[in-house]
């Protein structure tokens, strides 16, 4: 392994440890205090956390080396084409195949009763493909983002009136999980590649907003599915609680599941790889050095996703479900709300796609919007959203009582803040809800829902939707504050500039020329 690669891996390992260890610490504290678990669950959780850390390390490195360059080059190549119909067709196909590859969509689909996994995945993929086309056309024709978002969400809430109440959470959750560790690096880089061809000053800001629009398509697609399927008729099957007594059994538990995820990720990545290499032969003509770097990056991405999903599904999901049941049982059920808020504050840092977005925002804004500020705003937003989500689980409150006011506030603010912040905010909502949310927080809510005797589909689902909504508000508030500060600084500097102007006015013309 080259020295620079080892250095990058070491850097990514530190980032993964910083992201995941706070969650591990919180869960361990709960396990040793108010929510005791069996040694079997605890060992599986620790093993799962270890795999997640290593998986994040490889994935983030692979995303930088492969997914981002692939998206940028495909975007630049597509923009050069003069055939709009061809661009639209390729864009739809890209959105479709990249969504099928999305791991957190597969995690969610496996937990949705009544609807076959393949049906929900294909429907969501079609929704993403269609709205990726919409996002591309918006960029090509420089259409403002807020009016599109307002129109789309009005359509969503109108359509929701004709769908069973119990399916609302599933629909909005699908919009959140679609934009995960596979989709975000590729789609955002695709936008950057297309924007790089444009010479106008809004090109960079218009590269954001693709994730926001791609989150809308799945919601519409699943709402339509809700008219055809009846989730109330199904039975929820909680994740199996592992029963192991030795370290050898622990190893075999994960080793047995590993080939399954190796196959899943290989099948998911194959269409993307094949499509890219066809483009390479026909259009891109990249150098051998660049091509080898992308291939190595794809290998790192594959290893990272396999380890991440194995750790999340085998180790985190059963632990999350069991902890939810324990916390929601008895007179201490109210503790579920602050515990979920604390976990939410830290868990968003463990989402691989969040890292990709924060870094890209910092780079494209030349540090004006720092990755640290983005991370803080996202953490606060997700903490608030999980508190509200657990309140829903405990009380049975309809999700629309939270989504309609929340999106109303977010869409209202969008007309008063710089459009760059609006695009970033709605992109952030999509990336904040990733595999960590689907694999740990959703089972946590489901376990709590079982304990209080609630409706799994109606009350537990919607966690991902809440996580996707609140960053829309917090990021835009950050933009609003930044805008107010900028205006105050300009107004504060006016007297000084006015004095300078008066001084220059009193000088003769030749003196001014000499200056």
Protein backbone atom coordinates (compact mmCIF):
# COMPACT_ATOMS: atom_id res chain seq x y z
CA UNK A 1 0.00 0.00 0.00
CA UNK A 2 1.49 3.42 -0.97
CA UNK A 3 2.51 5.70 1.87
CA UNK A 4 0.07 8.46 0.94
CA UNK A 5 -2.82 5.97 0.85
CA UNK A 6 -1.87 4.72 4.32
CA UNK A 7 -1.80 8.33 5.53
CA UNK A 8 -5.28 8.96 4.09
CA UNK A 9 -6.61 5.76 5.69
CA UNK A 10 -5.21 6.85 9.04
CA UNK A 11 -6.93 10.21 8.66
CA UNK A 12 -10.25 8.58 7.74
CA UNK A 13 -9.92 6.20 10.70
CA UNK A 14 -9.64 9.15 13.09
CA UNK A 15 -12.70 10.75 11.51
CA UNK A 16 -14.69 7.52 11.85
CA UNK A 17 -13.67 7.11 15.49
CA UNK A 18 -14.72 10.68 16.29
CA UNK A 19 -18.08 10.07 14.60
CA UNK A 20 -19.00 6.67 16.04
CA UNK A 21 -17.45 6.55 19.53
CA UNK A 22 -19.87 9.07 21.13
CA UNK A 23 -22.79 6.84 20.05
CA UNK A 24 -21.04 3.77 21.43
CA UNK A 25 -20.40 5.60 24.70
CA UNK A 26 -24.06 6.65 25.06
CA UNK A 27 -25.38 3.16 24.32
CA UNK A 28 -22.90 1.54 26.74
CA UNK A 29 -23.93 4.01 29.46
CA UNK A 30 -27.59 3.08 28.93
CA UNK A 31 -26.78 -0.63 28.95
CA UNK A 32 -24.99 -0.37 32.30
CA UNK A 33 -27.62 1.86 33.94
CA UNK A 34 -31.30 2.22 33.03
CA UNK A 35 -31.60 -0.24 30.11
CA UNK A 36 -29.73 -3.46 30.91
CA UNK A 37 -29.14 -5.83 27.99
CA UNK A 38 -27.84 -9.37 27.68
CA UNK A 39 -24.15 -9.95 27.10
CA UNK A 40 -25.07 -11.39 23.69
CA UNK A 41 -26.64 -8.12 22.48
CA UNK A 42 -23.81 -6.08 23.98
CA UNK A 43 -21.09 -8.10 22.27
CA UNK A 44 -22.90 -7.91 18.93
CA UNK A 45 -23.26 -4.15 19.31
CA UNK A 46 -19.54 -3.69 20.06
CA UNK A 47 -18.59 -5.92 17.12
CA UNK A 48 -21.01 -4.02 14.89
CA UNK A 49 -19.54 -0.68 15.98
CA UNK A 50 -16.03 -1.92 15.12
CA UNK A 51 -17.13 -2.94 11.63
CA UNK A 52 -18.94 0.38 11.13
CA UNK A 53 -15.78 2.32 12.04
CA UNK A 54 -13.61 0.33 9.63
CA UNK A 55 -16.34 0.49 6.97
CA UNK A 56 -16.62 4.27 7.26
CA UNK A 57 -12.85 4.57 6.96
CA UNK A 58 -12.75 2.69 3.65
CA UNK A 59 -15.98 4.18 2.30
CA UNK A 60 -15.05 7.85 2.78
CA UNK A 61 -11.68 7.26 1.14
CA UNK A 62 -13.33 5.37 -1.72
CA UNK A 63 -15.94 8.10 -2.23
CA UNK A 64 -13.19 10.70 -2.64
CA UNK A 65 -11.20 8.52 -5.02
CA UNK A 66 -14.02 7.08 -7.16
CA UNK A 67 -17.62 8.23 -6.73
CA UNK A 68 -16.92 11.97 -6.75
CA UNK A 69 -14.58 11.93 -9.82
CA UNK A 70 -16.99 9.61 -11.67
CA UNK A 71 -19.92 11.93 -11.07
CA UNK A 72 -17.99 15.07 -12.05
CA UNK A 73 -16.70 13.58 -15.31
CA UNK A 74 -20.06 12.10 -16.28
CA UNK A 75 -21.72 15.45 -15.59
CA UNK A 76 -19.20 17.37 -17.69
CA UNK A 77 -19.51 14.83 -20.54
CA UNK A 78 -23.33 14.97 -20.51
CA UNK A 79 -23.41 18.75 -20.61
CA UNK A 80 -21.32 18.80 -23.78
CA UNK A 81 -24.01 16.87 -25.64
CA UNK A 82 -26.33 18.96 -27.81
CA UNK A 83 -29.14 16.42 -27.66
CA UNK A 84 -31.39 17.30 -24.72
CA UNK A 85 -33.47 14.13 -25.08
CA UNK A 86 -30.32 12.00 -24.80
CA UNK A 87 -29.20 13.91 -21.70
CA UNK A 88 -32.63 13.40 -20.11
CA UNK A 89 -32.60 9.67 -20.85
CA UNK A 90 -29.08 9.16 -19.47
CA UNK A 91 -29.88 11.24 -16.38
CA UNK A 92 -32.98 9.15 -15.61
CA UNK A 93 -31.02 5.92 -16.04
CA UNK A 94 -28.22 7.20 -13.77
CA UNK A 95 -30.70 8.17 -11.05
CA UNK A 96 -32.39 4.78 -11.35
CA UNK A 97 -29.28 2.59 -11.10
CA UNK A 98 -27.59 4.66 -8.36
CA UNK A 99 -30.75 4.41 -6.22
CA UNK A 100 -30.93 0.64 -6.58
CA UNK A 101 -27.36 0.63 -5.23
CA UNK A 102 -28.32 2.67 -2.15
CA UNK A 103 -27.75 0.55 1.00
CA UNK A 104 -30.02 2.45 3.39
CA UNK A 105 -32.96 2.09 0.98
CA UNK A 106 -32.47 -1.66 1.18
CA UNK A 107 -32.40 -1.43 4.99
CA UNK A 108 -35.69 0.50 5.02
CA UNK A 109 -37.42 -1.70 2.43
CA UNK A 110 -36.70 -4.79 4.54
CA UNK A 111 -38.57 -3.21 7.47
CA UNK A 112 -41.71 -2.06 5.59
CA UNK A 113 -44.58 -4.53 6.04
CA UNK A 114 -47.12 -5.35 3.29
CA UNK A 115 -45.00 -4.03 0.39
CA UNK A 116 -42.49 -6.41 -1.29
CA UNK A 117 -38.89 -5.22 -1.05
CA UNK A 118 -38.32 -5.21 -4.80
CA UNK A 119 -41.53 -3.25 -5.43
CA UNK A 120 -40.66 -0.42 -3.08
CA UNK A 121 -37.02 -0.26 -4.27
CA UNK A 122 -37.97 -0.07 -7.97
CA UNK A 123 -40.69 2.51 -7.30
CA UNK A 124 -38.32 4.69 -5.32
CA UNK A 125 -35.65 4.33 -8.03
CA UNK A 126 -38.11 5.53 -10.68
CA UNK A 127 -38.99 8.51 -8.48
CA UNK A 128 -35.33 9.46 -8.05
CA UNK A 129 -34.63 9.08 -11.77
CA UNK A 130 -37.57 11.32 -12.71
CA UNK A 131 -36.64 14.07 -10.25
CA UNK A 132 -32.95 13.91 -11.11
CA UNK A 133 -34.11 14.88 -14.59
CA UNK A 134 -36.09 17.76 -13.07
CA UNK A 135 -33.00 18.85 -11.11
CA UNK A 136 -30.84 18.71 -14.25
CA UNK A 137 -33.31 20.80 -16.25
CA UNK A 138 -33.44 23.31 -13.39
CA UNK A 139 -29.67 23.69 -13.61
CA UNK A 140 -29.61 23.93 -17.41
CA UNK A 141 -32.30 26.62 -17.53
CA UNK A 142 -31.31 28.40 -14.25
CA UNK A 143 -34.75 28.01 -12.64
CA UNK A 144 -35.09 29.17 -9.02
CA UNK A 145 -35.32 26.32 -6.50
CA UNK A 146 -37.85 27.65 -3.89
CA UNK A 147 -40.90 27.84 -6.26
CA UNK A 148 -40.22 24.26 -7.45
CA UNK A 149 -39.98 23.01 -3.87
CA UNK A 150 -43.19 24.80 -2.85
CA UNK A 151 -45.11 23.36 -5.80
CA UNK A 152 -43.81 19.83 -5.24
CA UNK A 153 -44.58 19.74 -1.52
CA UNK A 154 -48.07 21.16 -2.08
CA UNK A 155 -48.62 18.27 -4.51
CA UNK A 156 -47.27 15.81 -1.93
CA UNK A 157 -49.59 16.95 0.85
CA UNK A 158 -52.59 16.96 -1.52
CA UNK A 159 -51.79 13.41 -2.66
CA UNK A 160 -51.33 12.31 0.97
CA UNK A 161 -55.06 12.98 1.58
CA UNK A 162 -55.87 10.01 -0.66
CA UNK A 163 -53.42 7.62 1.02
CA UNK A 164 -54.07 5.66 4.25
CA UNK A 165 -52.78 7.55 7.30
CA UNK A 166 -50.58 4.65 8.28
CA UNK A 167 -48.56 4.96 5.07
CA UNK A 168 -47.53 8.60 5.48
CA UNK A 169 -44.48 7.83 7.59
CA UNK A 170 -43.23 5.17 5.16
CA UNK A 171 -43.56 7.58 2.22
CA UNK A 172 -41.64 10.41 3.85
CA UNK A 173 -39.05 7.98 5.25
CA UNK A 174 -38.34 6.72 1.73
CA UNK A 175 -37.48 10.25 0.64
CA UNK A 176 -34.97 10.52 3.48
CA UNK A 177 -33.15 7.21 3.04
CA UNK A 178 -32.83 7.49 -0.75
CA UNK A 179 -30.13 10.12 -0.49
CA UNK A 180 -27.44 8.12 1.31
CA UNK A 181 -23.76 7.20 1.05
CA UNK A 182 -23.98 5.98 -2.57
CA UNK A 183 -26.38 8.54 -4.00
CA UNK A 184 -25.08 11.76 -2.46
CA UNK A 185 -21.41 11.67 -3.59
CA UNK A 186 -22.44 10.70 -7.10
CA UNK A 187 -25.37 13.09 -7.55
CA UNK A 188 -23.60 16.09 -6.01
CA UNK A 189 -20.50 15.47 -8.10
CA UNK A 190 -22.73 15.11 -11.17
CA UNK A 191 -24.13 18.55 -10.40
CA UNK A 192 -20.65 20.02 -9.95
CA UNK A 193 -19.58 18.51 -13.27
CA UNK A 194 -22.52 20.07 -15.10
CA UNK A 195 -22.14 23.40 -13.30
CA UNK A 196 -18.44 23.59 -14.18
CA UNK A 197 -19.35 24.08 -17.83
CA UNK A 198 -21.45 27.15 -17.06
CA UNK A 199 -19.67 30.47 -16.86
CA UNK A 200 -22.29 32.49 -14.96
CA UNK A 201 -21.78 33.45 -11.33
CA UNK A 202 -24.66 31.27 -10.10
CA UNK A 203 -23.24 28.03 -11.52
CA UNK A 204 -21.62 26.86 -8.26
CA UNK A 205 -24.70 27.57 -6.14
CA UNK A 206 -26.96 25.83 -8.65
CA UNK A 207 -24.94 22.63 -8.22
CA UNK A 208 -26.69 22.30 -4.86
CA UNK A 209 -30.35 21.35 -4.76
CA UNK A 210 -30.05 18.10 -6.70
CA UNK A 211 -30.32 16.00 -3.54
CA UNK A 212 -33.28 18.11 -2.39
CA UNK A 213 -35.26 17.41 -5.56
CA UNK A 214 -34.22 13.75 -5.66
CA UNK A 215 -35.76 13.34 -2.19
CA UNK A 216 -39.18 14.41 -3.51
CA UNK A 217 -39.55 11.70 -6.17
CA UNK A 218 -39.52 8.75 -3.72
CA UNK A 219 -42.17 10.39 -1.52
CA UNK A 220 -44.53 10.75 -4.48
CA UNK A 221 -43.76 7.21 -5.70
CA UNK A 222 -44.43 5.60 -2.31
CA UNK A 223 -47.60 7.65 -1.78
CA UNK A 224 -48.90 6.17 -5.03
CA UNK A 225 -47.90 2.71 -3.75
CA UNK A 226 -49.90 3.48 -0.60
CA UNK A 227 -53.05 3.57 -2.74
CA UNK A 228 -52.37 0.01 -3.90
CA UNK A 229 -51.09 -1.69 -0.74
CA UNK A 230 -52.59 -1.90 2.75
CA UNK A 231 -49.91 -1.88 5.46
CA UNK A 232 -52.46 -2.45 8.22
CA UNK A 233 -53.01 -5.95 6.93
CA UNK A 234 -49.45 -7.07 7.63
CA UNK A 235 -47.60 -8.21 10.68
CA UNK A 236 -44.38 -6.56 11.82
CA UNK A 237 -41.50 -8.95 12.52
CA UNK A 238 -38.86 -7.40 14.81
CA UNK A 239 -35.17 -8.12 14.21
CA UNK A 240 -33.95 -11.34 15.75
CA UNK A 241 -32.18 -10.96 19.07
CA UNK A 242 -28.83 -12.79 18.85
CA UNK A 243 -28.13 -15.57 21.31
CA UNK A 244 -24.41 -16.26 21.63
CA UNK A 245 -22.28 -17.50 24.51
CA UNK A 246 -18.72 -17.61 23.14
CA UNK A 247 -16.42 -15.47 21.00
CA UNK A 248 -16.44 -18.18 18.34
CA UNK A 249 -20.22 -17.96 18.04
CA UNK A 250 -19.93 -14.17 17.76
CA UNK A 251 -17.46 -14.52 14.90
CA UNK A 252 -19.66 -17.05 13.10
CA UNK A 253 -22.74 -14.83 13.47
CA UNK A 254 -21.08 -12.00 11.54
CA UNK A 255 -19.18 -14.32 9.19
CA UNK A 256 -22.44 -15.98 8.10
CA UNK A 257 -24.02 -12.64 7.21
CA UNK A 258 -20.94 -11.18 5.50
CA UNK A 259 -21.30 -13.10 2.18
CA UNK A 260 -24.91 -11.90 1.91
CA UNK A 261 -23.88 -8.24 2.01
CA UNK A 262 -20.89 -8.90 -0.24
CA UNK A 263 -23.31 -10.19 -2.86
CA UNK A 264 -25.83 -7.35 -2.29
CA UNK A 265 -23.25 -4.58 -2.65
CA UNK A 266 -21.60 -6.28 -5.65
CA UNK A 267 -24.97 -6.50 -7.44
CA UNK A 268 -25.76 -2.90 -6.46
CA UNK A 269 -22.42 -1.48 -7.66
CA UNK A 270 -22.22 -3.51 -10.88
CA UNK A 271 -24.65 -1.36 -12.97
CA UNK A 272 -22.80 1.84 -11.98
CA UNK A 273 -19.40 0.35 -12.81
CA UNK A 274 -20.59 -1.01 -16.17
CA UNK A 275 -22.23 2.29 -17.10
CA UNK A 276 -19.08 4.22 -16.23
CA UNK A 277 -16.81 1.95 -18.27
CA UNK A 278 -19.12 2.19 -21.29
CA UNK A 279 -18.89 5.97 -20.97
CA UNK A 280 -15.12 5.65 -20.61
CA UNK A 281 -14.82 3.72 -23.88
CA UNK A 282 -17.20 5.96 -25.85
CA UNK A 283 -16.78 9.46 -24.41
CA UNK A 284 -14.49 10.05 -21.42
CA UNK A 285 -11.19 8.52 -22.63
CA UNK A 286 -9.54 8.99 -19.21
CA UNK A 287 -5.85 8.27 -18.73
CA UNK A 288 -4.78 4.89 -17.40
CA UNK A 289 -3.53 6.49 -14.17
CA UNK A 290 -6.88 8.21 -13.52
CA UNK A 291 -8.79 5.05 -14.39
CA UNK A 292 -6.69 2.93 -12.01
CA UNK A 293 -7.27 5.44 -9.22
CA UNK A 294 -11.02 5.26 -9.75
CA UNK A 295 -10.92 1.44 -9.79
CA UNK A 296 -9.01 1.36 -6.49
CA UNK A 297 -11.52 3.85 -5.07
CA UNK A 298 -14.39 1.60 -6.15
CA UNK A 299 -12.73 -1.31 -4.35
CA UNK A 300 -12.44 0.78 -1.17
CA UNK A 301 -16.09 1.83 -1.56
CA UNK A 302 -17.15 -1.80 -1.91
CA UNK A 303 -15.19 -2.94 1.16
CA UNK A 304 -16.45 -0.02 3.20
CA UNK A 305 -20.12 -0.54 2.36
CA UNK A 306 -19.95 -4.31 3.01
CA UNK A 307 -18.41 -3.81 6.46
CA UNK A 308 -20.68 -0.86 7.27
CA UNK A 309 -23.91 -2.67 6.39
CA UNK A 310 -22.85 -5.88 8.15
CA UNK A 311 -22.07 -3.98 11.32
CA UNK A 312 -25.22 -1.87 11.15
CA UNK A 313 -27.67 -4.69 10.38
CA UNK A 314 -26.20 -7.48 12.52
CA UNK A 315 -24.93 -5.43 15.45
CA UNK A 316 -26.82 -2.13 15.61
CA UNK A 317 -30.37 -3.03 14.52
CA UNK A 318 -31.12 -5.67 17.22
CA UNK A 319 -29.52 -3.47 19.89
CA UNK A 320 -31.59 -0.46 18.81
CA UNK A 321 -34.85 -2.45 18.87
CA UNK A 322 -34.14 -3.94 22.31
CA UNK A 323 -33.08 -0.60 23.83
CA UNK A 324 -36.26 1.01 22.52
CA UNK A 325 -38.38 -1.62 24.25
CA UNK A 326 -36.45 -1.29 27.49
CA UNK A 327 -36.56 2.51 27.58
CA UNK A 328 -40.29 2.73 26.77
CA UNK A 329 -41.29 0.19 29.42
CA UNK A 330 -42.60 1.40 32.77
CA UNK A 331 -42.67 4.83 34.37
CA UNK A 332 -39.38 5.94 32.82
CA UNK A 333 -40.70 5.96 29.26
CA UNK A 334 -40.29 9.75 29.08
CA UNK A 335 -36.50 9.20 29.16
CA UNK A 336 -36.81 7.97 25.59
CA UNK A 337 -37.13 11.58 24.36
CA UNK A 338 -33.90 13.09 25.85
CA UNK A 339 -31.96 9.87 25.14
CA UNK A 340 -33.04 9.96 21.48
CA UNK A 341 -32.09 13.66 21.26
CA UNK A 342 -28.59 13.00 22.61
CA UNK A 343 -28.11 10.03 20.27
CA UNK A 344 -29.42 12.11 17.35
CA UNK A 345 -26.97 14.92 18.07
CA UNK A 346 -24.05 12.54 17.63
CA UNK A 347 -25.41 9.96 15.19
CA UNK A 348 -25.65 12.42 12.30
CA UNK A 349 -21.85 12.73 12.46
CA UNK A 350 -21.61 9.01 11.71
CA UNK A 351 -23.55 9.29 8.44
CA UNK A 352 -21.07 8.84 5.57
CA UNK A 353 -23.05 11.11 3.21
CA UNK A 354 -22.97 13.99 5.73
CA UNK A 355 -19.17 14.00 5.56
CA UNK A 356 -19.31 14.20 1.75
CA UNK A 357 -21.82 17.07 1.75
CA UNK A 358 -20.07 19.15 4.45
CA UNK A 359 -16.74 18.88 2.67
CA UNK A 360 -18.22 19.80 -0.71
CA UNK A 361 -20.06 22.80 0.77
CA UNK A 362 -16.85 24.08 2.37
CA UNK A 363 -14.89 23.65 -0.88
CA UNK A 364 -17.47 25.25 -3.19
CA UNK A 365 -18.06 28.22 -0.88
CA UNK A 366 -14.29 28.73 -0.29
CA UNK A 367 -14.76 28.25 3.43
CA UNK A 368 -17.58 30.81 3.76
CA UNK A 369 -19.76 27.97 5.05
CA UNK A 370 -17.47 25.78 7.12
CA UNK A 371 -17.89 22.04 7.54
CA UNK A 372 -17.88 22.60 11.33
CA UNK A 373 -20.80 25.09 11.18
CA UNK A 374 -22.71 22.74 8.89
CA UNK A 375 -22.12 19.83 11.26
CA UNK A 376 -23.33 21.82 14.27
CA UNK A 377 -26.51 22.98 12.52
CA UNK A 378 -27.25 19.43 11.35
CA UNK A 379 -26.63 17.95 14.82
CA UNK A 380 -29.01 20.44 16.47
CA UNK A 381 -31.65 19.83 13.81
CA UNK A 382 -31.46 16.04 14.08
CA UNK A 383 -31.55 16.18 17.90
CA UNK A 384 -34.77 18.21 17.79
CA UNK A 385 -36.30 15.94 15.16
CA UNK A 386 -35.65 12.78 17.15
CA UNK A 387 -37.15 14.29 20.27
CA UNK A 388 -40.33 15.03 18.30
CA UNK A 389 -40.25 11.59 16.65
CA UNK A 390 -40.12 9.79 20.00
CA UNK A 391 -42.90 12.03 21.31
CA UNK A 392 -44.98 10.70 18.39
CA UNK A 393 -44.15 7.12 19.32
CA UNK A 394 -45.21 7.62 22.94
CA UNK A 395 -48.39 9.61 22.21
CA UNK A 396 -49.56 8.30 18.81
CA UNK A 397 -49.58 11.85 17.39
CA UNK A 398 -50.15 11.96 13.61
CA UNK A 399 -46.99 12.78 11.69
CA UNK A 400 -48.81 15.42 9.62
CA UNK A 401 -49.19 17.59 12.73
CA UNK A 402 -45.39 17.94 12.60
CA UNK A 403 -44.58 17.69 8.88
CA UNK A 404 -47.04 20.30 7.59
CA UNK A 405 -45.93 23.11 9.99
CA UNK A 406 -42.27 22.05 9.63
CA UNK A 407 -42.23 22.15 5.85
CA UNK A 408 -44.36 25.30 5.92
CA UNK A 409 -41.71 27.07 8.01
CA UNK A 410 -38.85 25.70 5.88
CA UNK A 411 -40.47 26.72 2.59
CA UNK A 412 -41.46 30.12 4.00
CA UNK A 413 -37.91 30.93 5.13
CA UNK A 414 -36.58 29.93 1.68
CA UNK A 415 -37.91 33.18 0.17
CA UNK A 416 -35.90 35.34 2.60
CA UNK A 417 -32.47 33.68 2.67
CA UNK A 418 -29.80 33.45 -0.08
CA UNK A 419 -30.77 30.69 -2.49
CA UNK A 420 -27.45 28.94 -1.83
CA UNK A 421 -28.48 28.33 1.79
CA UNK A 422 -31.89 27.02 0.69
CA UNK A 423 -30.31 24.54 -1.72
CA UNK A 424 -27.78 23.40 0.89
CA UNK A 425 -30.49 23.11 3.57
CA UNK A 426 -32.73 20.87 1.49
CA UNK A 427 -29.69 18.81 0.43
CA UNK A 428 -28.73 18.50 4.11
CA UNK A 429 -32.15 17.15 4.99
CA UNK A 430 -31.61 14.34 2.52
CA UNK A 431 -28.12 13.36 3.67
CA UNK A 432 -28.80 13.58 7.42
CA UNK A 433 -31.07 10.55 7.21
CA UNK A 434 -28.83 7.70 6.13
CA UNK A 435 -28.05 4.06 7.03
CA UNK A 436 -27.27 4.88 10.66
CA UNK A 437 -30.77 6.33 11.07
CA UNK A 438 -32.45 3.44 9.28
CA UNK A 439 -30.39 0.76 11.02
CA UNK A 440 -30.42 2.06 14.62
CA UNK A 441 -32.94 4.84 15.21
CA UNK A 442 -35.81 3.29 13.28
CA UNK A 443 -35.49 -0.02 15.19
CA UNK A 444 -35.24 2.05 18.41
CA UNK A 445 -38.58 3.68 17.57
CA UNK A 446 -40.09 0.33 16.55
CA UNK A 447 -39.02 -1.28 19.81
CA UNK A 448 -40.49 1.60 21.81
CA UNK A 449 -43.70 1.38 19.79
CA UNK A 450 -44.04 -2.32 20.63
CA UNK A 451 -43.54 -1.54 24.34
CA UNK A 452 -46.31 1.10 24.43
CA UNK A 453 -48.67 -0.93 22.23
CA UNK A 454 -48.70 1.49 19.30
CA UNK A 455 -49.14 0.98 15.55
CA UNK A 456 -45.73 0.14 14.07
CA UNK A 457 -46.41 1.47 10.57
CA UNK A 458 -48.29 4.61 11.62
CA UNK A 459 -46.27 5.59 14.73
CA UNK A 460 -42.73 4.19 14.38
CA UNK A 461 -42.17 4.99 10.73
CA UNK A 462 -41.61 8.68 10.21
CA UNK A 463 -38.38 8.87 12.23
CA UNK A 464 -36.33 9.22 9.06
CA UNK A 465 -38.80 11.83 7.76
CA UNK A 466 -38.38 13.93 10.91
CA UNK A 467 -34.59 13.66 10.66
CA UNK A 468 -34.81 14.86 7.04
CA UNK A 469 -37.09 17.82 7.88
CA UNK A 470 -35.52 19.75 10.75
CA UNK A 471 -32.14 20.49 9.05
CA UNK A 472 -34.14 22.40 6.43
CA UNK A 473 -35.01 24.89 9.15
CA UNK A 474 -31.71 25.00 11.09
CA UNK A 475 -29.47 25.44 8.01
CA UNK A 476 -31.67 28.22 6.64
CA UNK A 477 -31.75 29.95 10.02
CA UNK A 478 -27.94 29.82 9.87
CA UNK A 479 -28.16 31.51 6.46
CA UNK A 480 -30.62 34.10 7.79
CA UNK A 481 -28.31 34.96 10.69
CA UNK A 482 -25.36 35.20 8.30
CA UNK A 483 -27.34 37.54 6.05
CA UNK A 484 -28.36 39.81 8.97
CA UNK A 485 -24.75 39.98 10.21
CA UNK A 486 -23.53 40.87 6.73
CA UNK A 487 -26.06 43.71 6.47
CA UNK A 488 -25.13 44.99 9.93
CA UNK A 489 -21.43 44.97 9.04
CA UNK A 490 -22.12 46.91 5.84
CA UNK A 491 -24.30 49.47 7.61
CA UNK A 492 -21.73 49.81 10.38
CA UNK A 493 -19.00 50.50 7.86
CA UNK A 494 -21.01 53.15 5.98
CA UNK A 495 -20.05 56.15 8.13
CA UNK A 496 -16.37 55.41 7.72
CA UNK A 497 -16.69 55.09 3.96
CA UNK A 498 -18.78 58.24 3.87
CA UNK A 499 -16.01 60.14 5.67
CA UNK A 500 -13.41 58.90 3.20
CA UNK A 501 -15.63 59.95 0.31
CA UNK A 502 -16.00 63.47 1.75
CA UNK A 503 -12.24 63.76 2.20
CA UNK A 504 -11.64 62.81 -1.42
CA UNK A 505 -14.25 65.34 -2.58
CA UNK A 506 -12.32 68.18 -0.94
CA UNK A 507 -9.09 67.33 -2.79
CA UNK A 508 -8.27 68.92 -6.16
CA UNK A 509 -8.41 66.68 -9.23
CA UNK A 510 -4.64 66.52 -9.72
CA UNK A 511 -4.14 65.37 -6.11
CA UNK A 512 -6.60 62.58 -6.62
CA UNK A 513 -4.85 61.56 -9.82
CA UNK A 514 -1.48 61.45 -8.03
CA UNK A 515 -2.98 59.20 -5.36
